[in-house]
């Protein structure tokens, strides 16, 4: 791959961070402390922040070691010490304890006067200077094929920034997901998505609901605001504030994703205006009135035309 190279040995190729003075044309920080971290440019002694890569992509077989470089740019007027570390990644945000890609990332450090791979590295970057920091990803011999997203986390001046690493371990891939625990009520439809495969998924959701007198909800497939990592479970909810006041409905969720992933799940719900049916006579009148309203609503388009779906996300954790 263009940005992933197999190493014979980590210590033979990892080099110390090299500093390159930023040109006068480079952006100037508004205040001291302005800094950023990006995938490094391929150009030697480049004064640009990046060659346009939004993240680092690497691919290799189990047992190989991959190498790339990130650039730390200090645009402030004072020297800056930036601490770099690897992390597992969950939807852009880095997680604390690394057990996957984050644990495979190493930098070139020194110990007892010898250069050795280290999991964390502190880099001192002079004012208005760029430091290119090489790192390696050592893919274990027993690594599961598929996607293993990670990140390099840079911390300095009381804040952190990340460079995403899209790592794919060579081998058979499977795109698979399930829809579980569908619950209808309280103005929303909640459910869980589980990534049962070994590739990162960007799922699409379609929602349909049929009542006694016909369809009451029909939302076309749309991409959800989640990036579901392999082995992860997420709880989501769809608003349904114009749900019927009186009906028995069957709700069906259909989820798809690239690679052939497809799953459906259903749930039933009963909507009853209990306040209106407190009295027998008043309740009968209310039921008749609501049925008339329902028949009128059938002649209007369904699908929540007046309500823009906003999916709520709650990250639940690993598959259990």
C-alpha atoms as a PDB file:
ATOM      1  CA  UNK A   1       0.000   0.000   0.000  1.00  0.00           C
ATOM      2  CA  UNK A   2       1.225   3.607  -0.598  1.00  0.00           C
ATOM      3  CA  UNK A   3       1.671   4.468   3.075  1.00  0.00           C
ATOM      4  CA  UNK A   4       2.426   1.094   4.651  1.00  0.00           C
ATOM      5  CA  UNK A   5       5.810  -0.577   4.330  1.00  0.00           C
ATOM      6  CA  UNK A   6       6.913  -3.883   5.842  1.00  0.00           C
ATOM      7  CA  UNK A   7       9.936  -3.588   8.130  1.00  0.00           C
ATOM      8  CA  UNK A   8      12.626  -6.166   8.687  1.00  0.00           C
ATOM      9  CA  UNK A   9      13.158  -4.888  12.217  1.00  0.00           C
ATOM     10  CA  UNK A  10      11.758  -1.961  14.150  1.00  0.00           C
ATOM     11  CA  UNK A  11      15.094  -0.792  15.530  1.00  0.00           C
ATOM     12  CA  UNK A  12      16.784  -0.887  12.127  1.00  0.00           C
ATOM     13  CA  UNK A  13      14.485   1.596  10.454  1.00  0.00           C
ATOM     14  CA  UNK A  14      12.872   3.805  13.106  1.00  0.00           C
ATOM     15  CA  UNK A  15      14.594   7.183  13.237  1.00  0.00           C
ATOM     16  CA  UNK A  16      14.502  10.085  15.637  1.00  0.00           C
ATOM     17  CA  UNK A  17      11.972  12.841  15.017  1.00  0.00           C
ATOM     18  CA  UNK A  18      13.320  15.317  12.477  1.00  0.00           C
ATOM     19  CA  UNK A  19      12.574  19.003  12.800  1.00  0.00           C
ATOM     20  CA  UNK A  20      11.820  21.122   9.729  1.00  0.00           C
ATOM     21  CA  UNK A  21      11.506  24.898  10.019  1.00  0.00           C
ATOM     22  CA  UNK A  22       8.163  26.174   8.800  1.00  0.00           C
ATOM     23  CA  UNK A  23       8.360  28.655   5.939  1.00  0.00           C
ATOM     24  CA  UNK A  24       7.066  32.199   6.162  1.00  0.00           C
ATOM     25  CA  UNK A  25       4.091  31.130   4.071  1.00  0.00           C
ATOM     26  CA  UNK A  26       2.974  28.612   6.679  1.00  0.00           C
ATOM     27  CA  UNK A  27       0.066  29.550   8.973  1.00  0.00           C
ATOM     28  CA  UNK A  28       1.058  31.610  11.997  1.00  0.00           C
ATOM     29  CA  UNK A  29      -0.552  30.786  15.329  1.00  0.00           C
ATOM     30  CA  UNK A  30      -2.745  33.491  16.778  1.00  0.00           C
ATOM     31  CA  UNK A  31      -1.383  32.787  20.258  1.00  0.00           C
ATOM     32  CA  UNK A  32       1.382  30.756  21.827  1.00  0.00           C
ATOM     33  CA  UNK A  33       0.522  27.084  22.150  1.00  0.00           C
ATOM     34  CA  UNK A  34      -1.109  26.623  18.751  1.00  0.00           C
ATOM     35  CA  UNK A  35      -0.188  23.163  17.474  1.00  0.00           C
ATOM     36  CA  UNK A  36      -1.581  20.261  15.458  1.00  0.00           C
ATOM     37  CA  UNK A  37      -0.783  16.673  14.536  1.00  0.00           C
ATOM     38  CA  UNK A  38      -1.466  15.221  11.080  1.00  0.00           C
ATOM     39  CA  UNK A  39      -0.398  12.328   8.837  1.00  0.00           C
ATOM     40  CA  UNK A  40       3.043  13.348   7.583  1.00  0.00           C
ATOM     41  CA  UNK A  41       3.667  14.411   3.997  1.00  0.00           C
ATOM     42  CA  UNK A  42       5.766  12.150   1.794  1.00  0.00           C
ATOM     43  CA  UNK A  43       7.835  15.140   0.700  1.00  0.00           C
ATOM     44  CA  UNK A  44      11.265  15.513   2.307  1.00  0.00           C
ATOM     45  CA  UNK A  45      11.664  18.669   4.377  1.00  0.00           C
ATOM     46  CA  UNK A  46       8.137  19.692   3.452  1.00  0.00           C
ATOM     47  CA  UNK A  47       6.803  22.911   4.932  1.00  0.00           C
ATOM     48  CA  UNK A  48       3.178  21.916   4.387  1.00  0.00           C
ATOM     49  CA  UNK A  49       1.122  20.354   7.150  1.00  0.00           C
ATOM     50  CA  UNK A  50       0.036  17.303   5.187  1.00  0.00           C
ATOM     51  CA  UNK A  51      -0.203  15.831   1.727  1.00  0.00           C
ATOM     52  CA  UNK A  52      -3.981  15.642   2.059  1.00  0.00           C
ATOM     53  CA  UNK A  53      -4.395  12.308   3.837  1.00  0.00           C
ATOM     54  CA  UNK A  54      -7.285  12.535   6.303  1.00  0.00           C
ATOM     55  CA  UNK A  55      -5.922   9.510   8.179  1.00  0.00           C
ATOM     56  CA  UNK A  56      -3.187   6.866   8.009  1.00  0.00           C
ATOM     57  CA  UNK A  57      -4.080   3.720   6.081  1.00  0.00           C
ATOM     58  CA  UNK A  58      -2.071   0.540   6.609  1.00  0.00           C
ATOM     59  CA  UNK A  59      -2.577  -3.044   5.522  1.00  0.00           C
ATOM     60  CA  UNK A  60      -0.533  -6.140   6.240  1.00  0.00           C
ATOM     61  CA  UNK A  61      -0.643  -9.824   7.062  1.00  0.00           C
ATOM     62  CA  UNK A  62      -0.438 -11.137  10.619  1.00  0.00           C
ATOM     63  CA  UNK A  63       3.159 -11.127  11.823  1.00  0.00           C
ATOM     64  CA  UNK A  64       4.312  -8.127   9.795  1.00  0.00           C
ATOM     65  CA  UNK A  65       5.477  -4.711  10.976  1.00  0.00           C
ATOM     66  CA  UNK A  66       4.185  -1.592   9.221  1.00  0.00           C
ATOM     67  CA  UNK A  67       5.651   1.897   9.295  1.00  0.00           C
ATOM     68  CA  UNK A  68       4.355   5.425   8.730  1.00  0.00           C
ATOM     69  CA  UNK A  69       4.926   8.941  10.066  1.00  0.00           C
ATOM     70  CA  UNK A  70       2.931  11.685  11.744  1.00  0.00           C
ATOM     71  CA  UNK A  71       3.874  15.357  11.759  1.00  0.00           C
ATOM     72  CA  UNK A  72       3.614  17.569  14.838  1.00  0.00           C
ATOM     73  CA  UNK A  73       3.431  21.273  13.938  1.00  0.00           C
ATOM     74  CA  UNK A  74       4.198  23.865  16.573  1.00  0.00           C
ATOM     75  CA  UNK A  75       2.881  27.149  15.204  1.00  0.00           C
ATOM     76  CA  UNK A  76       3.423  28.959  18.502  1.00  0.00           C
ATOM     77  CA  UNK A  77       6.238  31.309  19.475  1.00  0.00           C
ATOM     78  CA  UNK A  78       7.593  29.020  22.207  1.00  0.00           C
ATOM     79  CA  UNK A  79       9.019  25.471  22.252  1.00  0.00           C
ATOM     80  CA  UNK A  80       6.431  22.775  22.959  1.00  0.00           C
ATOM     81  CA  UNK A  81       6.662  19.258  24.357  1.00  0.00           C
ATOM     82  CA  UNK A  82       4.082  16.900  22.856  1.00  0.00           C
ATOM     83  CA  UNK A  83       3.400  13.439  24.242  1.00  0.00           C
ATOM     84  CA  UNK A  84       2.463  10.769  21.681  1.00  0.00           C
ATOM     85  CA  UNK A  85       0.825   7.425  22.375  1.00  0.00           C
ATOM     86  CA  UNK A  86      -1.163   4.748  20.560  1.00  0.00           C
ATOM     87  CA  UNK A  87      -4.795   4.013  21.303  1.00  0.00           C
ATOM     88  CA  UNK A  88      -7.650   1.834  20.191  1.00  0.00           C
ATOM     89  CA  UNK A  89     -10.236   3.964  18.440  1.00  0.00           C
ATOM     90  CA  UNK A  90     -13.995   3.986  18.786  1.00  0.00           C
ATOM     91  CA  UNK A  91     -15.734   6.321  16.360  1.00  0.00           C
ATOM     92  CA  UNK A  92     -12.907   8.845  16.160  1.00  0.00           C
ATOM     93  CA  UNK A  93     -12.611   9.164  19.936  1.00  0.00           C
ATOM     94  CA  UNK A  94      -9.693   7.306  21.444  1.00  0.00           C
ATOM     95  CA  UNK A  95     -10.414   4.873  24.238  1.00  0.00           C
ATOM     96  CA  UNK A  96      -8.321   4.710  27.394  1.00  0.00           C
ATOM     97  CA  UNK A  97      -6.907   1.212  27.746  1.00  0.00           C
ATOM     98  CA  UNK A  98      -5.582  -0.323  24.520  1.00  0.00           C
ATOM     99  CA  UNK A  99      -6.022  -4.006  23.770  1.00  0.00           C
ATOM    100  CA  UNK A 100      -5.911  -3.966  19.970  1.00  0.00           C
ATOM    101  CA  UNK A 101      -4.271  -1.586  17.471  1.00  0.00           C
ATOM    102  CA  UNK A 102      -3.300   0.884  20.173  1.00  0.00           C
ATOM    103  CA  UNK A 103      -1.197  -1.777  21.869  1.00  0.00           C
ATOM    104  CA  UNK A 104       0.557  -2.582  18.565  1.00  0.00           C
ATOM    105  CA  UNK A 105       1.764   0.998  17.950  1.00  0.00           C
ATOM    106  CA  UNK A 106       5.339   1.892  18.931  1.00  0.00           C
ATOM    107  CA  UNK A 107       7.688   4.864  18.538  1.00  0.00           C
ATOM    108  CA  UNK A 108      11.487   5.015  18.434  1.00  0.00           C
ATOM    109  CA  UNK A 109      12.667   5.808  21.945  1.00  0.00           C
ATOM    110  CA  UNK A 110      15.800   5.351  24.035  1.00  0.00           C
ATOM    111  CA  UNK A 111      16.354   3.118  27.029  1.00  0.00           C
ATOM    112  CA  UNK A 112      19.734   2.597  28.710  1.00  0.00           C
ATOM    113  CA  UNK A 113      21.360   4.458  25.829  1.00  0.00           C
ATOM    114  CA  UNK A 114      19.860   2.129  23.217  1.00  0.00           C
ATOM    115  CA  UNK A 115      17.131   2.907  20.695  1.00  0.00           C
ATOM    116  CA  UNK A 116      14.101   0.707  21.365  1.00  0.00           C
ATOM    117  CA  UNK A 117      10.404   0.777  20.466  1.00  0.00           C
ATOM    118  CA  UNK A 118       8.282   2.468  23.150  1.00  0.00           C
ATOM    119  CA  UNK A 119       4.530   2.815  23.572  1.00  0.00           C
ATOM    120  CA  UNK A 120       4.731   6.501  24.509  1.00  0.00           C
ATOM    121  CA  UNK A 121       7.095   9.209  23.345  1.00  0.00           C
ATOM    122  CA  UNK A 122       7.654  12.845  24.337  1.00  0.00           C
ATOM    123  CA  UNK A 123       8.817  15.099  21.496  1.00  0.00           C
ATOM    124  CA  UNK A 124      10.130  18.635  22.048  1.00  0.00           C
ATOM    125  CA  UNK A 125       9.253  20.813  19.060  1.00  0.00           C
ATOM    126  CA  UNK A 126      10.915  24.238  18.707  1.00  0.00           C
ATOM    127  CA  UNK A 127       8.815  27.315  17.970  1.00  0.00           C
ATOM    128  CA  UNK A 128       7.333  27.482  14.458  1.00  0.00           C
ATOM    129  CA  UNK A 129       8.764  24.081  13.679  1.00  0.00           C
ATOM    130  CA  UNK A 130       7.502  20.778  12.378  1.00  0.00           C
ATOM    131  CA  UNK A 131       8.650  17.415  13.751  1.00  0.00           C
ATOM    132  CA  UNK A 132       8.149  14.250  11.705  1.00  0.00           C
ATOM    133  CA  UNK A 133       7.749  11.296  14.061  1.00  0.00           C
ATOM    134  CA  UNK A 134       7.961   7.761  12.630  1.00  0.00           C
ATOM    135  CA  UNK A 135       5.951   4.973  14.238  1.00  0.00           C
ATOM    136  CA  UNK A 136       5.364   1.291  13.655  1.00  0.00           C
ATOM    137  CA  UNK A 137       2.384  -1.025  13.886  1.00  0.00           C
ATOM    138  CA  UNK A 138       3.410  -4.580  14.758  1.00  0.00           C
ATOM    139  CA  UNK A 139       0.575  -6.868  13.710  1.00  0.00           C
ATOM    140  CA  UNK A 140       0.566  -9.963  15.960  1.00  0.00           C
ATOM    141  CA  UNK A 141       0.888 -13.363  14.309  1.00  0.00           C
ATOM    142  CA  UNK A 142      -2.548 -14.339  15.613  1.00  0.00           C
ATOM    143  CA  UNK A 143      -4.368 -11.109  14.692  1.00  0.00           C
ATOM    144  CA  UNK A 144      -7.914 -11.548  13.400  1.00  0.00           C
ATOM    145  CA  UNK A 145      -8.335 -10.586   9.727  1.00  0.00           C
ATOM    146  CA  UNK A 146     -10.375  -7.482   9.005  1.00  0.00           C
ATOM    147  CA  UNK A 147     -10.483  -3.896  10.222  1.00  0.00           C
ATOM    148  CA  UNK A 148      -8.654  -2.776  13.365  1.00  0.00           C
ATOM    149  CA  UNK A 149      -9.088   1.013  13.692  1.00  0.00           C
ATOM    150  CA  UNK A 150      -6.719   2.833  15.984  1.00  0.00           C
ATOM    151  CA  UNK A 151      -5.305   6.271  16.635  1.00  0.00           C
ATOM    152  CA  UNK A 152      -2.207   8.166  17.625  1.00  0.00           C
ATOM    153  CA  UNK A 153      -3.031  10.560  20.439  1.00  0.00           C
ATOM    154  CA  UNK A 154      -0.987  13.734  20.859  1.00  0.00           C
ATOM    155  CA  UNK A 155      -1.276  15.679  24.131  1.00  0.00           C
ATOM    156  CA  UNK A 156       0.156  19.107  24.997  1.00  0.00           C
ATOM    157  CA  UNK A 157      -0.919  22.355  26.570  1.00  0.00           C
ATOM    158  CA  UNK A 158      -3.911  20.824  28.308  1.00  0.00           C
ATOM    159  CA  UNK A 159      -5.559  19.417  25.195  1.00  0.00           C
ATOM    160  CA  UNK A 160      -5.350  16.354  22.966  1.00  0.00           C
ATOM    161  CA  UNK A 161      -5.606  15.695  19.238  1.00  0.00           C
ATOM    162  CA  UNK A 162      -5.677  12.438  17.285  1.00  0.00           C
ATOM    163  CA  UNK A 163      -4.617  10.994  13.944  1.00  0.00           C
ATOM    164  CA  UNK A 164      -6.813   8.101  12.905  1.00  0.00           C
ATOM    165  CA  UNK A 165      -5.230   4.852  11.780  1.00  0.00           C
ATOM    166  CA  UNK A 166      -7.246   2.592   9.502  1.00  0.00           C
ATOM    167  CA  UNK A 167      -5.525  -0.775   9.814  1.00  0.00           C
ATOM    168  CA  UNK A 168      -6.701  -3.794   7.840  1.00  0.00           C
ATOM    169  CA  UNK A 169      -5.218  -7.189   8.629  1.00  0.00           C
ATOM    170  CA  UNK A 170      -5.057  -9.373   5.528  1.00  0.00           C
ATOM    171  CA  UNK A 171      -7.363 -12.370   5.340  1.00  0.00           C
ATOM    172  CA  UNK A 172     -11.060 -13.201   4.795  1.00  0.00           C
ATOM    173  CA  UNK A 173     -13.469 -10.377   5.656  1.00  0.00           C
ATOM    174  CA  UNK A 174     -17.103 -10.583   6.699  1.00  0.00           C
ATOM    175  CA  UNK A 175     -19.703  -7.805   6.852  1.00  0.00           C
ATOM    176  CA  UNK A 176     -22.482  -8.850   9.225  1.00  0.00           C
ATOM    177  CA  UNK A 177     -24.756  -7.150  11.741  1.00  0.00           C
ATOM    178  CA  UNK A 178     -27.896  -7.749  13.769  1.00  0.00           C
ATOM    179  CA  UNK A 179     -30.747  -5.554  15.036  1.00  0.00           C
ATOM    180  CA  UNK A 180     -31.797  -6.358  18.596  1.00  0.00           C
ATOM    181  CA  UNK A 181     -33.958  -5.155  21.508  1.00  0.00           C
ATOM    182  CA  UNK A 182     -36.442  -3.051  19.549  1.00  0.00           C
ATOM    183  CA  UNK A 183     -38.741  -1.062  21.865  1.00  0.00           C
ATOM    184  CA  UNK A 184     -41.560   1.269  20.737  1.00  0.00           C
ATOM    185  CA  UNK A 185     -42.941   3.939  23.036  1.00  0.00           C
ATOM    186  CA  UNK A 186     -42.538   7.341  24.671  1.00  0.00           C
ATOM    187  CA  UNK A 187     -42.278   9.137  21.346  1.00  0.00           C
ATOM    188  CA  UNK A 188     -39.365   7.056  20.062  1.00  0.00           C
ATOM    189  CA  UNK A 189     -38.254   3.724  18.689  1.00  0.00           C
ATOM    190  CA  UNK A 190     -35.125   2.418  20.393  1.00  0.00           C
ATOM    191  CA  UNK A 191     -32.988  -0.510  19.264  1.00  0.00           C
ATOM    192  CA  UNK A 192     -29.468  -1.922  19.298  1.00  0.00           C
ATOM    193  CA  UNK A 193     -27.100  -2.619  16.412  1.00  0.00           C
ATOM    194  CA  UNK A 194     -24.346  -5.214  16.780  1.00  0.00           C
ATOM    195  CA  UNK A 195     -21.429  -5.629  14.380  1.00  0.00           C
ATOM    196  CA  UNK A 196     -21.050  -9.398  14.085  1.00  0.00           C
ATOM    197  CA  UNK A 197     -18.399  -9.245  11.334  1.00  0.00           C
ATOM    198  CA  UNK A 198     -14.803  -8.067  11.115  1.00  0.00           C
ATOM    199  CA  UNK A 199     -15.164  -4.890   9.024  1.00  0.00           C
ATOM    200  CA  UNK A 200     -16.124  -1.355  10.022  1.00  0.00           C
ATOM    201  CA  UNK A 201     -19.756  -0.667   9.052  1.00  0.00           C
ATOM    202  CA  UNK A 202     -21.615   2.526   8.125  1.00  0.00           C
ATOM    203  CA  UNK A 203     -25.202   1.210   8.452  1.00  0.00           C
ATOM    204  CA  UNK A 204     -28.332   2.529   6.750  1.00  0.00           C
ATOM    205  CA  UNK A 205     -31.751   2.315   8.420  1.00  0.00           C
ATOM    206  CA  UNK A 206     -35.276   2.119   6.997  1.00  0.00           C
ATOM    207  CA  UNK A 207     -38.340   2.224   9.287  1.00  0.00           C
ATOM    208  CA  UNK A 208     -41.911   1.121   8.563  1.00  0.00           C
ATOM    209  CA  UNK A 209     -44.918   0.877  10.837  1.00  0.00           C
ATOM    210  CA  UNK A 210     -48.363  -0.538   9.960  1.00  0.00           C
ATOM    211  CA  UNK A 211     -51.473   0.040  12.032  1.00  0.00           C
ATOM    212  CA  UNK A 212     -54.971  -1.398  11.960  1.00  0.00           C
ATOM    213  CA  UNK A 213     -56.049   0.994   9.232  1.00  0.00           C
ATOM    214  CA  UNK A 214     -52.865   1.066   7.188  1.00  0.00           C
ATOM    215  CA  UNK A 215     -49.315   2.375   7.169  1.00  0.00           C
ATOM    216  CA  UNK A 216     -48.572   5.088   9.725  1.00  0.00           C
ATOM    217  CA  UNK A 217     -44.795   5.481   9.269  1.00  0.00           C
ATOM    218  CA  UNK A 218     -42.519   4.981   6.262  1.00  0.00           C
ATOM    219  CA  UNK A 219     -38.952   6.334   6.400  1.00  0.00           C
ATOM    220  CA  UNK A 220     -36.681   5.640   3.454  1.00  0.00           C
ATOM    221  CA  UNK A 221     -33.189   4.204   4.056  1.00  0.00           C
ATOM    222  CA  UNK A 222     -30.686   6.763   5.317  1.00  0.00           C
ATOM    223  CA  UNK A 223     -27.139   6.512   6.639  1.00  0.00           C
ATOM    224  CA  UNK A 224     -26.944   6.530  10.430  1.00  0.00           C
ATOM    225  CA  UNK A 225     -24.476   8.863  12.213  1.00  0.00           C
ATOM    226  CA  UNK A 226     -22.385   5.965  13.510  1.00  0.00           C
ATOM    227  CA  UNK A 227     -19.293   4.055  12.452  1.00  0.00           C
ATOM    228  CA  UNK A 228     -19.763   0.609  13.957  1.00  0.00           C
ATOM    229  CA  UNK A 229     -16.504  -1.165  14.704  1.00  0.00           C
ATOM    230  CA  UNK A 230     -16.167  -4.965  14.657  1.00  0.00           C
ATOM    231  CA  UNK A 231     -17.484  -6.563  17.820  1.00  0.00           C
ATOM    232  CA  UNK A 232     -19.193  -3.398  19.058  1.00  0.00           C
ATOM    233  CA  UNK A 233     -22.775  -2.839  20.213  1.00  0.00           C
ATOM    234  CA  UNK A 234     -24.563   0.520  20.056  1.00  0.00           C
ATOM    235  CA  UNK A 235     -27.974   1.657  21.294  1.00  0.00           C
ATOM    236  CA  UNK A 236     -29.857   4.083  19.043  1.00  0.00           C
ATOM    237  CA  UNK A 237     -33.292   5.657  18.983  1.00  0.00           C
ATOM    238  CA  UNK A 238     -35.512   7.208  16.317  1.00  0.00           C
ATOM    239  CA  UNK A 239     -37.953   9.990  17.250  1.00  0.00           C
ATOM    240  CA  UNK A 240     -41.635   9.327  16.552  1.00  0.00           C
ATOM    241  CA  UNK A 241     -43.452  12.220  18.097  1.00  0.00           C
ATOM    242  CA  UNK A 242     -46.439  11.990  15.716  1.00  0.00           C
ATOM    243  CA  UNK A 243     -47.226   8.386  16.656  1.00  0.00           C
ATOM    244  CA  UNK A 244     -50.954   7.524  16.591  1.00  0.00           C
ATOM    245  CA  UNK A 245     -53.051   8.222  19.663  1.00  0.00           C
ATOM    246  CA  UNK A 246     -55.116   5.056  19.221  1.00  0.00           C
ATOM    247  CA  UNK A 247     -53.827   2.098  17.233  1.00  0.00           C
ATOM    248  CA  UNK A 248     -52.117  -1.274  17.278  1.00  0.00           C
ATOM    249  CA  UNK A 249     -48.947  -1.065  15.196  1.00  0.00           C
ATOM    250  CA  UNK A 250     -46.212  -3.367  13.981  1.00  0.00           C
ATOM    251  CA  UNK A 251     -42.839  -1.627  13.525  1.00  0.00           C
ATOM    252  CA  UNK A 252     -40.189  -3.104  11.242  1.00  0.00           C
ATOM    253  CA  UNK A 253     -36.552  -1.934  11.111  1.00  0.00           C
ATOM    254  CA  UNK A 254     -34.329  -2.828   8.146  1.00  0.00           C
ATOM    255  CA  UNK A 255     -30.587  -2.162   8.366  1.00  0.00           C
ATOM    256  CA  UNK A 256     -28.035  -2.592   5.592  1.00  0.00           C
ATOM    257  CA  UNK A 257     -24.327  -1.866   5.125  1.00  0.00           C
ATOM    258  CA  UNK A 258     -21.646  -2.268   2.481  1.00  0.00           C
ATOM    259  CA  UNK A 259     -20.375  -5.772   1.896  1.00  0.00           C
ATOM    260  CA  UNK A 260     -23.826  -7.378   1.946  1.00  0.00           C
ATOM    261  CA  UNK A 261     -24.691  -6.840   5.601  1.00  0.00           C
ATOM    262  CA  UNK A 262     -28.472  -6.958   6.098  1.00  0.00           C
ATOM    263  CA  UNK A 263     -30.699  -7.407   9.119  1.00  0.00           C
ATOM    264  CA  UNK A 264     -34.329  -6.836  10.122  1.00  0.00           C
ATOM    265  CA  UNK A 265     -36.226  -6.777  13.399  1.00  0.00           C
ATOM    266  CA  UNK A 266     -39.806  -6.071  14.415  1.00  0.00           C
ATOM    267  CA  UNK A 267     -41.766  -5.014  17.469  1.00  0.00           C
ATOM    268  CA  UNK A 268     -45.437  -4.415  18.245  1.00  0.00           C
ATOM    269  CA  UNK A 269     -47.000  -1.621  20.266  1.00  0.00           C
ATOM    270  CA  UNK A 270     -50.488  -0.584  21.381  1.00  0.00           C
ATOM    271  CA  UNK A 271     -51.407   3.091  21.643  1.00  0.00           C
ATOM    272  CA  UNK A 272     -54.403   3.751  23.902  1.00  0.00           C
ATOM    273  CA  UNK A 273     -55.567   7.179  25.236  1.00  0.00           C
ATOM    274  CA  UNK A 274     -56.256   5.934  28.756  1.00  0.00           C
ATOM    275  CA  UNK A 275     -57.454   9.298  29.959  1.00  0.00           C
ATOM    276  CA  UNK A 276     -60.141   9.386  27.290  1.00  0.00           C
ATOM    277  CA  UNK A 277     -61.447   5.918  28.042  1.00  0.00           C
ATOM    278  CA  UNK A 278     -61.811   6.497  31.797  1.00  0.00           C
ATOM    279  CA  UNK A 279     -65.577   6.847  31.335  1.00  0.00           C
ATOM    280  CA  UNK A 280     -67.538   4.361  29.273  1.00  0.00           C
ATOM    281  CA  UNK A 281     -69.644   6.891  27.384  1.00  0.00           C
ATOM    282  CA  UNK A 282     -66.868   9.427  26.956  1.00  0.00           C
ATOM    283  CA  UNK A 283     -64.457   6.671  26.044  1.00  0.00           C
ATOM    284  CA  UNK A 284     -66.712   5.345  23.265  1.00  0.00           C
ATOM    285  CA  UNK A 285     -67.065   8.834  21.816  1.00  0.00           C
ATOM    286  CA  UNK A 286     -63.319   9.346  21.981  1.00  0.00           C
ATOM    287  CA  UNK A 287     -62.646   6.050  20.212  1.00  0.00           C
ATOM    288  CA  UNK A 288     -65.033   6.928  17.391  1.00  0.00           C
ATOM    289  CA  UNK A 289     -63.498  10.382  17.033  1.00  0.00           C
ATOM    290  CA  UNK A 290     -59.983   8.992  16.966  1.00  0.00           C
ATOM    291  CA  UNK A 291     -60.877   6.420  14.338  1.00  0.00           C
ATOM    292  CA  UNK A 292     -62.294   9.187  12.180  1.00  0.00           C
ATOM    293  CA  UNK A 293     -59.070  11.125  12.633  1.00  0.00           C
ATOM    294  CA  UNK A 294     -57.114   8.010  11.732  1.00  0.00           C
ATOM    295  CA  UNK A 295     -59.067   7.572   8.491  1.00  0.00           C
ATOM    296  CA  UNK A 296     -58.398  11.194   7.631  1.00  0.00           C
ATOM    297  CA  UNK A 297     -54.683  10.806   8.359  1.00  0.00           C
ATOM    298  CA  UNK A 298     -54.486   7.855   5.967  1.00  0.00           C
ATOM    299  CA  UNK A 299     -55.114  10.247   3.124  1.00  0.00           C
ATOM    300  CA  UNK A 300     -51.985  12.239   4.029  1.00  0.00           C
ATOM    301  CA  UNK A 301     -48.399  11.138   3.221  1.00  0.00           C
ATOM    302  CA  UNK A 302     -46.749   9.075   5.931  1.00  0.00           C
ATOM    303  CA  UNK A 303     -43.107   9.033   6.861  1.00  0.00           C
ATOM    304  CA  UNK A 304     -42.840  11.870   9.335  1.00  0.00           C
ATOM    305  CA  UNK A 305     -42.800  14.579   6.651  1.00  0.00           C
ATOM    306  CA  UNK A 306     -43.035  17.282   9.311  1.00  0.00           C
ATOM    307  CA  UNK A 307     -40.470  15.620  11.556  1.00  0.00           C
ATOM    308  CA  UNK A 308     -36.796  15.365  10.603  1.00  0.00           C
ATOM    309  CA  UNK A 309     -35.383  12.110  12.003  1.00  0.00           C
ATOM    310  CA  UNK A 310     -32.485  12.694  14.407  1.00  0.00           C
ATOM    311  CA  UNK A 311     -30.925   9.450  15.546  1.00  0.00           C
ATOM    312  CA  UNK A 312     -29.766   9.462  19.164  1.00  0.00           C
ATOM    313  CA  UNK A 313     -26.675   7.359  19.880  1.00  0.00           C
ATOM    314  CA  UNK A 314     -25.567   5.690  23.106  1.00  0.00           C
ATOM    315  CA  UNK A 315     -22.378   3.617  22.877  1.00  0.00           C
ATOM    316  CA  UNK A 316     -23.016   0.441  24.794  1.00  0.00           C
ATOM    317  CA  UNK A 317     -19.744  -1.512  24.490  1.00  0.00           C
ATOM    318  CA  UNK A 318     -18.416  -4.780  23.175  1.00  0.00           C
ATOM    319  CA  UNK A 319     -20.578  -7.655  22.025  1.00  0.00           C
ATOM    320  CA  UNK A 320     -21.720  -9.740  24.971  1.00  0.00           C
END
